Structure formats: C-alpha cells, structure tokens
Protein backbone atom coordinates (compact mmCIF):
# COMPACT_ATOMS: atom_id res chain seq x y z
CA MET A 1 208.77 63.36 38.81
CA ALA A 2 206.53 65.71 39.86
CA SER A 3 203.82 64.22 42.79
CA THR A 4 200.44 65.57 43.67
CA THR A 5 199.39 66.59 47.01
CA PRO A 6 195.68 64.56 47.13
CA ILE A 7 192.52 66.51 47.88
CA ASP A 8 191.54 66.34 51.67
CA ILE A 9 187.92 66.52 50.42
CA TYR A 10 186.36 66.42 54.36
CA THR A 11 189.05 70.24 54.10
CA THR A 12 189.45 71.26 51.00
CA PRO A 13 185.40 73.96 50.16
CA ALA A 14 183.55 72.59 46.88
CA GLY A 15 183.27 75.47 45.38
CA PRO A 16 185.84 79.28 45.42
CA PRO A 17 184.44 82.12 47.23
CA PRO A 18 184.04 85.31 45.99
CA PRO A 19 186.79 87.40 46.26
CA GLY A 20 187.55 88.87 49.88
CA VAL A 21 185.69 86.28 50.89
CA VAL A 22 186.55 83.64 53.92
CA PRO A 23 185.45 80.04 53.91
CA ASN A 24 183.89 78.69 57.13
CA LEU A 25 183.22 74.91 56.46
CA LYS A 26 182.64 74.88 60.61
CA ASN A 27 180.27 77.97 62.33
CA SER A 28 179.04 79.17 58.50
CA TYR A 29 175.53 81.83 57.90
CA THR A 30 172.85 78.28 56.36
CA LEU A 31 169.66 79.16 55.09
CA HIS A 32 169.31 74.65 56.01
CA LYS A 33 167.17 75.60 58.38
CA ILE A 34 165.67 77.79 57.98
CA SER A 35 164.05 75.63 54.71
CA LEU A 36 164.13 72.17 57.90
CA THR A 37 162.03 73.71 60.27
CA THR A 38 158.90 75.75 57.53
CA MET A 39 159.49 71.86 55.93
CA LEU A 40 158.65 69.86 59.62
CA LEU A 41 156.01 72.81 60.17
CA CYS A 42 154.03 71.16 56.88
CA LEU A 43 155.00 67.88 57.58
CA ILE A 44 152.41 67.96 60.49
CA LEU A 45 150.02 69.52 59.52
CA THR A 46 149.26 68.01 56.55
CA SER A 47 150.09 65.10 59.39
CA ILE A 48 147.36 66.28 61.05
CA ALA A 49 145.23 65.92 58.22
CA VAL A 50 145.32 63.02 56.96
CA THR A 51 145.35 61.12 60.31
CA LEU A 52 142.08 62.89 61.25
CA ARG A 53 140.72 62.73 57.34
CA THR A 54 141.48 58.55 57.73
CA PHE A 55 140.33 58.51 60.66
CA THR A 56 136.95 60.14 59.89
CA LYS A 57 137.19 57.83 56.15
CA VAL A 58 137.34 54.36 57.98
CA HIS A 59 136.05 54.50 61.65
CA LEU A 60 132.79 57.62 60.90
CA MET A 61 131.91 56.82 57.66
CA ARG A 62 133.52 53.55 56.95
CA GLN A 63 134.33 53.99 53.36
CA VAL A 64 137.60 54.66 51.84
CA LYS A 65 138.23 54.42 48.60
CA VAL A 66 141.20 54.69 45.74
CA GLU A 67 141.55 58.76 47.08
CA ASP A 68 142.38 57.71 50.27
CA TYR A 69 145.19 55.35 49.74
CA ALA A 70 146.59 57.75 46.95
CA LEU A 71 146.28 59.94 49.92
CA LEU A 72 148.14 58.17 52.25
CA VAL A 73 151.28 56.76 49.57
CA ALA A 74 151.17 60.81 48.59
CA GLN A 75 151.96 61.42 52.10
CA LEU A 76 154.02 58.93 53.08
CA GLY A 77 156.54 59.67 49.71
CA PHE A 78 155.87 63.18 52.14
CA VAL A 79 157.91 61.69 55.06
CA ALA A 80 160.58 60.52 53.15
CA TRP A 81 161.03 63.28 51.06
CA VAL A 82 161.95 65.62 54.37
CA ALA A 83 163.31 62.75 55.44
CA LEU A 84 166.16 63.12 53.08
CA ASN A 85 166.19 66.96 52.45
CA ILE A 86 167.42 66.81 56.26
CA ALA A 87 169.85 64.09 55.26
CA ALA A 88 171.22 66.58 52.51
CA PRO A 89 173.93 68.05 54.46
CA GLY A 90 174.80 70.72 52.09
CA GLN A 91 172.00 72.63 51.37
CA GLY A 92 171.75 76.05 52.02
CA HIS A 93 175.62 76.80 51.91
CA HIS A 94 177.68 78.36 49.91
CA LEU A 95 179.76 76.49 48.04
CA TRP A 96 183.44 78.11 49.81
CA ASP A 97 181.67 77.20 52.88
CA VAL A 98 180.58 73.63 52.47
CA SER A 99 183.42 70.94 52.28
CA ILE A 100 183.92 68.48 49.10
CA TYR A 101 183.02 65.29 51.22
CA ASP A 102 179.20 67.65 52.57
CA ALA A 103 178.86 68.79 48.65
CA MET A 104 178.89 65.00 47.69
CA GLN A 105 176.19 63.42 50.37
CA THR A 106 174.51 66.51 49.10
CA ALA A 107 174.25 65.30 45.46
CA LYS A 108 173.60 61.60 46.13
CA VAL A 109 170.70 62.99 48.63
CA GLY A 110 169.33 65.61 45.94
CA LEU A 111 171.90 67.61 43.00
CA SER A 112 173.85 66.70 40.52
CA LEU A 113 178.40 67.89 40.92
CA ASN A 114 177.44 68.38 37.38
CA ARG A 115 175.52 71.62 38.99
CA ILE A 116 178.33 72.41 41.07
CA GLY A 117 180.65 71.88 39.59
CA TYR A 118 184.28 70.91 40.81
CA ALA A 119 185.96 67.07 40.60
CA THR A 120 185.82 64.91 43.15
CA LYS A 121 188.67 62.78 42.56
CA GLY A 122 186.59 59.02 42.10
CA GLU A 123 184.81 58.63 45.56
CA SER A 124 181.49 58.12 44.27
CA SER A 125 180.31 55.18 46.89
CA ASN A 126 177.01 55.81 49.06
CA GLN A 127 173.60 54.78 48.62
CA TYR A 128 172.40 57.85 48.69
CA VAL A 129 171.38 57.81 44.94
CA ASN A 130 169.60 61.55 44.12
CA TRP A 131 166.09 60.39 46.30
CA ILE A 132 164.98 63.67 46.61
CA ILE A 133 164.29 64.21 43.08
CA THR A 134 163.79 61.06 42.55
CA LEU A 135 160.79 60.63 45.08
CA TYR A 136 159.33 64.18 44.15
CA GLY A 137 157.79 63.17 40.90
CA PRO A 138 155.75 59.77 42.37
CA LEU A 139 154.24 61.86 46.32
CA VAL A 140 153.14 64.89 43.89
CA PHE A 141 151.30 62.02 41.13
CA PHE A 142 149.11 60.77 44.43
CA ALA A 143 148.45 63.79 45.36
CA LYS A 144 147.50 65.29 42.13
CA VAL A 145 145.58 61.29 41.77
CA SER A 146 143.84 61.79 45.01
CA VAL A 147 142.35 65.17 44.58
CA LEU A 148 140.99 64.60 41.02
CA MET A 149 139.44 61.39 42.06
CA GLN A 150 137.75 62.99 44.65
CA LEU A 151 136.32 65.72 42.26
CA GLN A 152 134.92 62.92 40.09
CA HIS A 153 133.51 61.58 43.13
CA ILE A 154 131.83 64.87 43.84
CA PHE A 155 130.97 66.30 40.27
CA VAL A 156 130.25 63.45 38.16
CA THR A 157 127.16 60.91 38.79
CA HIS A 158 127.63 58.91 36.43
CA ASN A 159 131.37 58.10 34.40
CA GLN A 160 130.41 60.11 31.55
CA GLY A 161 129.84 63.51 30.84
CA PRO A 162 132.70 66.69 29.81
CA VAL A 163 133.27 66.32 33.88
CA PHE A 164 134.10 62.93 33.86
CA TYR A 165 136.46 63.07 30.62
CA LEU A 166 138.40 65.74 31.23
CA ILE A 167 139.20 64.91 34.92
CA GLN A 168 140.56 61.37 33.02
CA ALA A 169 142.24 63.32 30.76
CA LEU A 170 144.42 64.87 33.61
CA MET A 171 145.16 61.66 35.45
CA TRP A 172 145.97 59.89 32.42
CA ALA A 173 148.37 63.37 31.78
CA ASN A 174 150.22 63.55 34.38
CA PHE A 175 151.02 60.24 34.92
CA ALA A 176 152.53 60.16 31.59
CA PHE A 177 154.02 62.80 32.14
CA TYR A 178 155.89 61.67 36.17
CA VAL A 179 156.84 58.77 34.79
CA SER A 180 158.52 59.97 32.23
CA TYR A 181 160.37 62.51 34.60
CA LEU A 182 161.16 60.00 37.19
CA PHE A 183 162.88 57.81 34.31
CA VAL A 184 164.23 61.65 32.53
CA ASP A 185 166.16 61.94 36.40
CA ILE A 186 166.86 58.20 37.34
CA PHE A 187 168.67 58.61 34.08
CA GLN A 188 169.82 62.61 34.14
CA CYS A 189 173.52 61.26 33.72
CA VAL A 190 175.11 58.39 32.13
CA PRO A 191 176.68 56.84 33.85
CA ARG A 192 174.78 57.22 36.61
CA ASP A 193 178.01 58.18 38.60
CA LYS A 194 178.92 60.97 37.31
CA ILE A 195 175.37 62.65 39.37
CA TRP A 196 177.39 62.90 42.09
CA ASP A 197 181.56 62.68 40.89
CA SER A 198 181.85 65.11 38.56
CA ALA A 199 185.71 63.52 37.15
CA ILE A 200 184.02 60.65 35.06
CA PRO A 201 183.83 60.90 32.34
CA GLY A 202 180.26 60.58 31.04
CA LYS A 203 177.45 63.03 29.46
CA CYS A 204 174.28 64.69 31.89
CA ILE A 205 171.02 65.97 31.01
CA SER A 206 170.20 70.20 31.29
CA LEU A 207 169.31 71.30 34.62
CA ASN A 208 166.53 72.91 32.12
CA VAL A 209 165.19 69.15 31.49
CA LEU A 210 165.59 68.42 35.29
CA LEU A 211 164.22 71.86 36.96
CA ILE A 212 162.24 74.49 34.39
CA ALA A 213 160.01 71.44 32.19
CA PRO A 214 158.60 70.22 35.23
CA ALA A 215 158.26 73.37 37.03
CA GLY A 216 155.72 74.87 34.29
CA ILE A 217 154.12 71.71 33.91
CA ASN A 218 153.28 71.48 37.31
CA ILE A 219 152.02 75.25 36.88
CA LEU A 220 149.41 74.07 34.17
CA SER A 221 148.17 70.82 36.14
CA ASP A 222 147.58 72.99 39.24
CA CYS A 223 145.88 76.14 37.48
CA LEU A 224 143.36 72.89 35.44
CA ILE A 225 142.77 71.77 38.86
CA LEU A 226 142.05 74.21 40.08
CA VAL A 227 139.63 76.21 37.52
CA LEU A 228 137.78 72.84 36.85
CA PRO A 229 135.48 72.56 39.98
CA MET A 230 134.46 76.04 40.31
CA ILE A 231 133.57 76.29 36.48
CA VAL A 232 131.32 73.48 37.86
CA VAL A 233 129.63 75.42 40.32
CA ILE A 234 129.50 78.82 38.58
CA ARG A 235 126.47 76.42 36.91
CA LEU A 236 125.22 74.97 39.62
CA LYS A 237 121.86 76.24 40.64
CA ILE A 238 122.66 77.71 44.04
CA THR A 239 122.80 80.99 45.29
CA LEU A 240 125.36 82.73 45.06
CA LYS A 241 126.60 82.84 48.45
CA ASN A 242 126.42 79.49 48.14
CA LYS A 243 128.33 79.55 45.32
CA LEU A 244 131.17 81.84 46.37
CA THR A 245 131.57 79.85 49.45
CA ILE A 246 132.04 76.75 47.58
CA ILE A 247 134.67 78.65 45.85
CA ALA A 248 136.66 79.36 48.34
CA VAL A 249 136.65 76.13 50.08
CA PHE A 250 138.67 75.18 46.23
CA GLY A 251 139.92 78.36 46.00
CA SER A 252 142.45 76.68 48.74
CA GLY A 253 144.37 75.24 46.13
CA LEU A 254 145.28 78.74 44.68
CA PHE A 255 148.39 77.86 47.08
CA ALA A 256 149.56 75.52 45.08
CA VAL A 257 149.54 77.54 42.34
CA ILE A 258 151.86 80.33 43.75
CA SER A 259 154.34 78.08 45.21
CA GLY A 260 154.54 76.48 42.01
CA VAL A 261 155.46 80.02 39.65
CA MET A 262 157.56 80.52 43.25
CA ARG A 263 159.56 77.54 42.18
CA LEU A 264 159.89 78.11 38.75
CA VAL A 265 160.74 81.21 39.55
CA TYR A 266 163.53 80.48 41.69
CA SER A 267 164.27 77.25 38.85
CA VAL A 268 165.38 80.14 36.82
CA ARG A 269 167.74 81.80 39.10
CA MET A 270 169.29 78.41 39.34
CA THR A 271 170.52 78.11 36.45
CA ARG A 272 172.03 80.72 36.07
CA THR A 273 173.58 81.08 39.20
CA THR A 274 177.46 78.11 40.12
CA ASP A 275 176.40 78.12 43.68
CA THR A 276 174.04 76.18 43.35
CA LEU A 277 174.06 74.47 47.21
CA TRP A 278 172.52 78.14 48.24
CA GLY A 279 170.27 78.26 44.60
CA VAL A 280 168.36 75.27 45.54
CA TYR A 281 167.01 76.29 49.10
CA PRO A 282 164.60 78.38 48.28
CA ILE A 283 163.29 75.74 44.95
CA ALA A 284 162.93 73.37 48.37
CA MET A 285 161.49 75.86 50.09
CA TRP A 286 158.28 76.08 47.53
CA THR A 287 158.46 72.57 46.45
C-alpha cells in the first residue's frame, strides 16, 4: 500500500512559480512594507483630523452631534482595519514566495483561499475570520453617514425639500447596500471554513460579487456625495469667487472618487490573475 508524505505547510510554497523562477520563502521581494507605510500614514493623518474635530466639537463648540459619533466609529474601524492588514503576513508577496501557512493566515484575515487555489489539507483553526473585508463595509458606511449628516446640517434648514430627501435616500441606500454586503461577505462560502481551507468540500460565491460590484456601487455613491453640495452651492446667491472657494473645499472629496476608480481597476485585474496575494496589494492601497 503506497504511503503519502504529508505536506509541510510551513515550508511548502502556496503556489507554483513561473518557469525559471525559484521560490524564496525567507527574503523575497514584497510590496507589503509599502502598503503598510501608506496605510499608517493615512491612519496618522485621519487620526489627527478626527482628534482635532472632536476636541473642537466637545470643548470649544460644546455641540456633539450624531455625525460626530459616526465619524469616531468609522475611525475606530479604520484602526482595526489597518491592524488586521499588519497581521496578514502574505499580502504583497507572490504566491510562490509565501508558505501555505502564511497564505492561510492571510486568508483568515482577509482573502478566501479559494481565490488562491491550493488545498491546505485541513489546517483551519484560527480566530481570524477574514475580518479585513468584513470590517470594510461598516467603517465606510459610518464614514459616509457622517459626511451626509454634516451636509444635511449645512444645507437643510427644515426637514423637507429635494436636498433633504436626496440625502435621506443616499443614507438609506448606503445602509441597505452595506448591510447586504456584510452578510454576503460573512457567508461567502458554505461551509464558512472553506474561506481559508479550500480542501473542504463546499461552494463559494464569485469573486466579482465581493470585489467588483461593491467597488462600482461605491464609486456611484461617492460621485453623488461629491456632486450634491456643489449643486446646492451653485444655486446660492453669492459671488462667483465665494462659490468657487466653497466648491474647492467640497471638491476634496474627488480623491475618494479617484481612489474608488483605482480600486475598481485593480479589482478587475485581480479576477484575472492566479497570483492573488500580489494582486490584492494595490486594492488594499486604494481602499
């Protein structure tokens, strides 16, 4: 009776290398450090901005509103999101330069191994449950709610009129979308353990549902949030110079749209590659 040699998940590459390429599990080139540097820089800048805003609202204005709490929740979610990205050891590496074990840890924190395409022979116990993708929806939702509620307080004097109803529609539409997205992500594979162990029999939804569809809807939502205050400002009876100044301030939201477009581009590219851990790097960067 033939015996089979068990796979050492700590020393076996997670994927086959291209012809002529030798796997390097110890000192391989990685984009992970660049990604973490960018995330930490964004975290520092947003933390400073949120802290200054909170201090102003609490100690100077003494007027804390719902959108301020929503912003704090979003910022705390962002802190957790960055921490989980740090805990994902395989992001930014080629599959053949990462051990099966490290790829599994990354899958448990963020990606499904069914996108990576190897069998892990049953090693599936860990407290990480792909929280990176799971956290993304709620933290973006609270950030958008904070922006929309602030726009409502600025441009709506009474709870009526087209601007008020448009803002309400955007908030409830975002709520419905992100709640749906949260459940789709949590139950993306049946059984759930298949998310990080592709050897387990079961089914998983298409990667297009998890990456491309949400990215497209995010762009639409960001565009509407960007254009809404500009339309209101253009109709105000103030000088052209003042209009342009106010539009420039709200126009800073254009970066969110650009980031969303870049995330969509790289999400499409990721569905066309088998080198998933390398392909997810730019998505995390633009997220």
